[in-house]
Amino acid sequence: LNLSNCVALVLYEALRQLNFPGEAR
């Protein structure tokens, strides 16, 4: 896959696992 797509997939999975720290809720 495109490099930036790969980074987005894995980074967002990691952030999801961490309950999206720092997201404005």
PDB file of all heavy atoms in Angstrom:
ATOM      1  N   LEU A   1       0.856  -1.179   0.000  1.00  0.00           N
ATOM      2  CA  LEU A   1       0.000   0.000   0.000  1.00  0.00           C
ATOM      3  C   LEU A   1       0.897   1.236   0.000  1.00  0.00           C
ATOM      4  O   LEU A   1       2.091   1.150   0.284  1.00  0.00           O
ATOM      5  CB  LEU A   1      -0.879   0.015   1.248  1.00  0.00           C
ATOM      6  CG  LEU A   1      -1.838  -1.156   1.432  1.00  0.00           C
ATOM      7  CD1 LEU A   1      -2.504  -1.070   2.794  1.00  0.00           C
ATOM      8  CD2 LEU A   1      -2.862  -1.185   0.321  1.00  0.00           C
ATOM      9  N   ASN A   2       0.322   2.368  -0.264  1.00  0.00           N
ATOM     10  CA  ASN A   2       1.051   3.627  -0.194  1.00  0.00           C
ATOM     11  C   ASN A   2       1.566   3.842   1.230  1.00  0.00           C
ATOM     12  O   ASN A   2       0.869   3.546   2.200  1.00  0.00           O
ATOM     13  CB  ASN A   2       0.118   4.764  -0.631  1.00  0.00           C
ATOM     14  CG  ASN A   2       0.754   6.109  -0.473  1.00  0.00           C
ATOM     15  OD1 ASN A   2       0.719   6.680   0.611  1.00  0.00           O
ATOM     16  ND2 ASN A   2       1.346   6.607  -1.532  1.00  0.00           N
ATOM     17  N   LEU A   3       2.764   4.371   1.347  1.00  0.00           N
ATOM     18  CA  LEU A   3       3.389   4.577   2.655  1.00  0.00           C
ATOM     19  C   LEU A   3       2.506   5.382   3.604  1.00  0.00           C
ATOM     20  O   LEU A   3       2.304   4.991   4.759  1.00  0.00           O
ATOM     21  CB  LEU A   3       4.743   5.275   2.485  1.00  0.00           C
ATOM     22  CG  LEU A   3       5.450   5.676   3.777  1.00  0.00           C
ATOM     23  CD1 LEU A   3       5.815   4.452   4.601  1.00  0.00           C
ATOM     24  CD2 LEU A   3       6.676   6.513   3.466  1.00  0.00           C
ATOM     25  N   SER A   4       1.963   6.497   3.142  1.00  0.00           N
ATOM     26  CA  SER A   4       1.166   7.325   4.057  1.00  0.00           C
ATOM     27  C   SER A   4      -0.114   6.613   4.468  1.00  0.00           C
ATOM     28  O   SER A   4      -0.590   6.794   5.589  1.00  0.00           O
ATOM     29  CB  SER A   4       0.882   8.706   3.460  1.00  0.00           C
ATOM     30  OG  SER A   4       0.189   8.613   2.251  1.00  0.00           O
ATOM     31  N   ASN A   5      -0.667   5.757   3.606  1.00  0.00           N
ATOM     32  CA  ASN A   5      -1.831   4.961   3.994  1.00  0.00           C
ATOM     33  C   ASN A   5      -1.462   3.954   5.074  1.00  0.00           C
ATOM     34  O   ASN A   5      -2.219   3.741   6.025  1.00  0.00           O
ATOM     35  CB  ASN A   5      -2.423   4.223   2.790  1.00  0.00           C
ATOM     36  CG  ASN A   5      -3.080   5.148   1.805  1.00  0.00           C
ATOM     37  OD1 ASN A   5      -3.442   6.270   2.135  1.00  0.00           O
ATOM     38  ND2 ASN A   5      -3.226   4.694   0.585  1.00  0.00           N
ATOM     39  N   CYS A   6      -0.309   3.330   4.936  1.00  0.00           N
ATOM     40  CA  CYS A   6       0.150   2.366   5.944  1.00  0.00           C
ATOM     41  C   CYS A   6       0.336   3.037   7.303  1.00  0.00           C
ATOM     42  O   CYS A   6      -0.084   2.505   8.332  1.00  0.00           O
ATOM     43  CB  CYS A   6       1.463   1.721   5.505  1.00  0.00           C
ATOM     44  SG  CYS A   6       1.312   0.653   4.070  1.00  0.00           S
ATOM     45  N   VAL A   7       0.953   4.193   7.293  1.00  0.00           N
ATOM     46  CA  VAL A   7       1.161   4.924   8.550  1.00  0.00           C
ATOM     47  C   VAL A   7      -0.188   5.250   9.180  1.00  0.00           C
ATOM     48  O   VAL A   7      -0.382   5.056  10.386  1.00  0.00           O
ATOM     49  CB  VAL A   7       1.997   6.199   8.325  1.00  0.00           C
ATOM     50  CG1 VAL A   7       2.086   7.017   9.615  1.00  0.00           C
ATOM     51  CG2 VAL A   7       3.392   5.857   7.823  1.00  0.00           C
ATOM     52  N   ALA A   8      -1.135   5.716   8.374  1.00  0.00           N
ATOM     53  CA  ALA A   8      -2.456   6.072   8.906  1.00  0.00           C
ATOM     54  C   ALA A   8      -3.148   4.855   9.520  1.00  0.00           C
ATOM     55  O   ALA A   8      -3.720   4.951  10.616  1.00  0.00           O
ATOM     56  CB  ALA A   8      -3.328   6.686   7.813  1.00  0.00           C
ATOM     57  N   LEU A   9      -3.115   3.716   8.845  1.00  0.00           N
ATOM     58  CA  LEU A   9      -3.752   2.499   9.373  1.00  0.00           C
ATOM     59  C   LEU A   9      -3.210   2.136  10.744  1.00  0.00           C
ATOM     60  O   LEU A   9      -3.960   1.927  11.700  1.00  0.00           O
ATOM     61  CB  LEU A   9      -3.503   1.317   8.431  1.00  0.00           C
ATOM     62  CG  LEU A   9      -4.327   1.201   7.188  1.00  0.00           C
ATOM     63  CD1 LEU A   9      -3.749   0.131   6.266  1.00  0.00           C
ATOM     64  CD2 LEU A   9      -5.763   0.859   7.544  1.00  0.00           C
ATOM     65  N   VAL A  10      -1.900   2.029  10.837  1.00  0.00           N
ATOM     66  CA  VAL A  10      -1.274   1.551  12.072  1.00  0.00           C
ATOM     67  C   VAL A  10      -1.352   2.610  13.172  1.00  0.00           C
ATOM     68  O   VAL A  10      -1.660   2.292  14.326  1.00  0.00           O
ATOM     69  CB  VAL A  10       0.178   1.105  11.804  1.00  0.00           C
ATOM     70  CG1 VAL A  10       0.839   0.622  13.097  1.00  0.00           C
ATOM     71  CG2 VAL A  10       0.201  -0.003  10.752  1.00  0.00           C
ATOM     72  N   LEU A  11      -1.110   3.858  12.835  1.00  0.00           N
ATOM     73  CA  LEU A  11      -1.170   4.920  13.835  1.00  0.00           C
ATOM     74  C   LEU A  11      -2.569   5.030  14.432  1.00  0.00           C
ATOM     75  O   LEU A  11      -2.722   5.123  15.657  1.00  0.00           O
ATOM     76  CB  LEU A  11      -0.738   6.249  13.231  1.00  0.00           C
ATOM     77  CG  LEU A  11      -0.805   7.467  14.156  1.00  0.00           C
ATOM     78  CD1 LEU A  11       0.056   7.274  15.399  1.00  0.00           C
ATOM     79  CD2 LEU A  11      -0.390   8.722  13.397  1.00  0.00           C
ATOM     80  N   TYR A  12      -3.595   5.002  13.609  1.00  0.00           N
ATOM     81  CA  TYR A  12      -4.950   5.126  14.141  1.00  0.00           C
ATOM     82  C   TYR A  12      -5.370   3.898  14.942  1.00  0.00           C
ATOM     83  O   TYR A  12      -6.129   4.015  15.908  1.00  0.00           O
ATOM     84  CB  TYR A  12      -5.957   5.477  13.043  1.00  0.00           C
ATOM     85  CG  TYR A  12      -6.164   6.970  12.973  1.00  0.00           C
ATOM     86  CD1 TYR A  12      -5.309   7.774  12.233  1.00  0.00           C
ATOM     87  CD2 TYR A  12      -7.162   7.588  13.706  1.00  0.00           C
ATOM     88  CE1 TYR A  12      -5.466   9.147  12.208  1.00  0.00           C
ATOM     89  CE2 TYR A  12      -7.336   8.959  13.684  1.00  0.00           C
ATOM     90  CZ  TYR A  12      -6.479   9.738  12.934  1.00  0.00           C
ATOM     91  OH  TYR A  12      -6.636  11.095  12.921  1.00  0.00           O
ATOM     92  N   GLU A  13      -4.863   2.718  14.599  1.00  0.00           N
ATOM     93  CA  GLU A  13      -5.124   1.550  15.440  1.00  0.00           C
ATOM     94  C   GLU A  13      -4.471   1.738  16.807  1.00  0.00           C
ATOM     95  O   GLU A  13      -5.082   1.470  17.839  1.00  0.00           O
ATOM     96  CB  GLU A  13      -4.621   0.263  14.789  1.00  0.00           C
ATOM     97  CG  GLU A  13      -4.663  -0.957  15.695  1.00  0.00           C
ATOM     98  CD  GLU A  13      -6.043  -1.334  16.226  1.00  0.00           C
ATOM     99  OE1 GLU A  13      -7.078  -0.915  15.664  1.00  0.00           O
ATOM    100  OE2 GLU A  13      -6.109  -2.072  17.236  1.00  0.00           O
ATOM    101  N   ALA A  14      -3.236   2.211  16.820  1.00  0.00           N
ATOM    102  CA  ALA A  14      -2.553   2.450  18.089  1.00  0.00           C
ATOM    103  C   ALA A  14      -3.302   3.494  18.917  1.00  0.00           C
ATOM    104  O   ALA A  14      -3.528   3.304  20.119  1.00  0.00           O
ATOM    105  CB  ALA A  14      -1.115   2.902  17.834  1.00  0.00           C
ATOM    106  N   LEU A  15      -3.727   4.573  18.289  1.00  0.00           N
ATOM    107  CA  LEU A  15      -4.461   5.619  19.006  1.00  0.00           C
ATOM    108  C   LEU A  15      -5.833   5.129  19.468  1.00  0.00           C
ATOM    109  O   LEU A  15      -6.294   5.494  20.552  1.00  0.00           O
ATOM    110  CB  LEU A  15      -4.596   6.861  18.123  1.00  0.00           C
ATOM    111  CG  LEU A  15      -3.274   7.560  17.793  1.00  0.00           C
ATOM    112  CD1 LEU A  15      -3.493   8.656  16.771  1.00  0.00           C
ATOM    113  CD2 LEU A  15      -2.595   8.081  19.046  1.00  0.00           C
ATOM    114  N   ARG A  16      -6.473   4.281  18.680  1.00  0.00           N
ATOM    115  CA  ARG A  16      -7.761   3.701  19.090  1.00  0.00           C
ATOM    116  C   ARG A  16      -7.576   2.881  20.357  1.00  0.00           C
ATOM    117  O   ARG A  16      -8.356   2.989  21.303  1.00  0.00           O
ATOM    118  CB  ARG A  16      -8.341   2.835  17.966  1.00  0.00           C
ATOM    119  CG  ARG A  16      -9.716   2.230  18.312  1.00  0.00           C
ATOM    120  CD  ARG A  16     -10.074   1.079  17.400  1.00  0.00           C
ATOM    121  NE  ARG A  16      -9.189  -0.071  17.576  1.00  0.00           N
ATOM    122  CZ  ARG A  16      -9.287  -0.956  18.570  1.00  0.00           C
ATOM    123  NH1 ARG A  16     -10.207  -0.815  19.516  1.00  0.00           N
ATOM    124  NH2 ARG A  16      -8.454  -1.974  18.637  1.00  0.00           N
ATOM    125  N   GLN A  17      -6.518   2.075  20.380  1.00  0.00           N
ATOM    126  CA  GLN A  17      -6.248   1.258  21.561  1.00  0.00           C
ATOM    127  C   GLN A  17      -6.014   2.123  22.795  1.00  0.00           C
ATOM    128  O   GLN A  17      -6.317   1.709  23.910  1.00  0.00           O
ATOM    129  CB  GLN A  17      -5.020   0.367  21.327  1.00  0.00           C
ATOM    130  CG  GLN A  17      -5.242  -0.760  20.358  1.00  0.00           C
ATOM    131  CD  GLN A  17      -3.997  -1.600  20.191  1.00  0.00           C
ATOM    132  OE1 GLN A  17      -3.036  -1.524  20.968  1.00  0.00           O
ATOM    133  NE2 GLN A  17      -3.996  -2.433  19.155  1.00  0.00           N
ATOM    134  N   LEU A  18      -5.480   3.304  22.591  1.00  0.00           N
ATOM    135  CA  LEU A  18      -5.199   4.221  23.700  1.00  0.00           C
ATOM    136  C   LEU A  18      -6.370   5.157  23.975  1.00  0.00           C
ATOM    137  O   LEU A  18      -6.230   6.133  24.709  1.00  0.00           O
ATOM    138  CB  LEU A  18      -3.930   5.022  23.387  1.00  0.00           C
ATOM    139  CG  LEU A  18      -2.664   4.183  23.227  1.00  0.00           C
ATOM    140  CD1 LEU A  18      -1.536   5.016  22.658  1.00  0.00           C
ATOM    141  CD2 LEU A  18      -2.279   3.549  24.556  1.00  0.00           C
ATOM    142  N   ASN A  19      -7.523   4.873  23.359  1.00  0.00           N
ATOM    143  CA  ASN A  19      -8.742   5.672  23.524  1.00  0.00           C
ATOM    144  C   ASN A  19      -8.566   7.108  23.012  1.00  0.00           C
ATOM    145  O   ASN A  19      -9.067   8.048  23.607  1.00  0.00           O
ATOM    146  CB  ASN A  19      -9.210   5.660  24.985  1.00  0.00           C
ATOM    147  CG  ASN A  19     -10.657   6.074  25.122  1.00  0.00           C
ATOM    148  OD1 ASN A  19     -11.458   5.871  24.208  1.00  0.00           O
ATOM    149  ND2 ASN A  19     -11.000   6.670  26.254  1.00  0.00           N
ATOM    150  N   PHE A  20      -7.834   7.238  21.922  1.00  0.00           N
ATOM    151  CA  PHE A  20      -7.617   8.524  21.256  1.00  0.00           C
ATOM    152  C   PHE A  20      -7.222   9.631  22.245  1.00  0.00           C
ATOM    153  O   PHE A  20      -7.959  10.584  22.458  1.00  0.00           O
ATOM    154  CB  PHE A  20      -8.852   8.922  20.437  1.00  0.00           C
ATOM    155  CG  PHE A  20      -9.144   7.959  19.338  1.00  0.00           C
ATOM    156  CD1 PHE A  20     -10.238   7.102  19.424  1.00  0.00           C
ATOM    157  CD2 PHE A  20      -8.332   7.889  18.214  1.00  0.00           C
ATOM    158  CE1 PHE A  20     -10.499   6.187  18.398  1.00  0.00           C
ATOM    159  CE2 PHE A  20      -8.598   6.981  17.196  1.00  0.00           C
ATOM    160  CZ  PHE A  20      -9.680   6.130  17.287  1.00  0.00           C
ATOM    161  N   PRO A  21      -6.035   9.507  22.841  1.00  0.00           N
ATOM    162  CA  PRO A  21      -5.598  10.507  23.825  1.00  0.00           C
ATOM    163  C   PRO A  21      -5.509  11.900  23.216  1.00  0.00           C
ATOM    164  O   PRO A  21      -5.045  12.081  22.104  1.00  0.00           O
ATOM    165  CB  PRO A  21      -4.210  10.005  24.246  1.00  0.00           C
ATOM    166  CG  PRO A  21      -3.751   9.166  23.109  1.00  0.00           C
ATOM    167  CD  PRO A  21      -4.987   8.557  22.513  1.00  0.00           C
ATOM    168  N   GLY A  22      -5.982  12.865  23.963  1.00  0.00           N
ATOM    169  CA  GLY A  22      -5.891  14.247  23.526  1.00  0.00           C
ATOM    170  C   GLY A  22      -6.984  14.703  22.583  1.00  0.00           C
ATOM    171  O   GLY A  22      -7.031  15.868  22.222  1.00  0.00           O
ATOM    172  N   GLU A  23      -7.875  13.788  22.198  1.00  0.00           N
ATOM    173  CA  GLU A  23      -8.950  14.197  21.294  1.00  0.00           C
ATOM    174  C   GLU A  23      -9.923  15.110  22.035  1.00  0.00           C
ATOM    175  O   GLU A  23     -10.258  14.868  23.192  1.00  0.00           O
ATOM    176  CB  GLU A  23      -9.723  12.983  20.765  1.00  0.00           C
ATOM    177  CG  GLU A  23     -10.744  13.395  19.732  1.00  0.00           C
ATOM    178  CD  GLU A  23     -11.982  12.510  19.702  1.00  0.00           C
ATOM    179  OE1 GLU A  23     -12.174  11.702  20.619  1.00  0.00           O
ATOM    180  OE2 GLU A  23     -12.765  12.680  18.769  1.00  0.00           O
ATOM    181  N   ALA A  24     -10.351  16.174  21.361  1.00  0.00           N
ATOM    182  CA  ALA A  24     -11.325  17.090  21.966  1.00  0.00           C
ATOM    183  C   ALA A  24     -12.664  16.369  22.077  1.00  0.00           C
ATOM    184  O   ALA A  24     -13.235  15.971  21.083  1.00  0.00           O
ATOM    185  CB  ALA A  24     -11.455  18.346  21.117  1.00  0.00           C
ATOM    186  N   ARG A  25     -13.133  16.198  23.288  1.00  0.00           N
ATOM    187  CA  ARG A  25     -14.420  15.512  23.507  1.00  0.00           C
ATOM    188  C   ARG A  25     -15.411  16.469  24.150  1.00  0.00           C
ATOM    189  O   ARG A  25     -16.232  16.086  24.951  1.00  0.00           O
ATOM    190  CB  ARG A  25     -14.221  14.277  24.373  1.00  0.00           C
ATOM    191  CG  ARG A  25     -13.348  13.251  23.682  1.00  0.00           C
ATOM    192  CD  ARG A  25     -13.231  11.997  24.502  1.00  0.00           C
ATOM    193  NE  ARG A  25     -12.270  11.115  23.897  1.00  0.00           N
ATOM    194  CZ  ARG A  25     -12.587   9.974  23.297  1.00  0.00           C
ATOM    195  NH1 ARG A  25     -13.824   9.585  23.230  1.00  0.00           N
ATOM    196  NH2 ARG A  25     -11.656   9.219  22.782  1.00  0.00           N
TER     197      ARG A  25
END
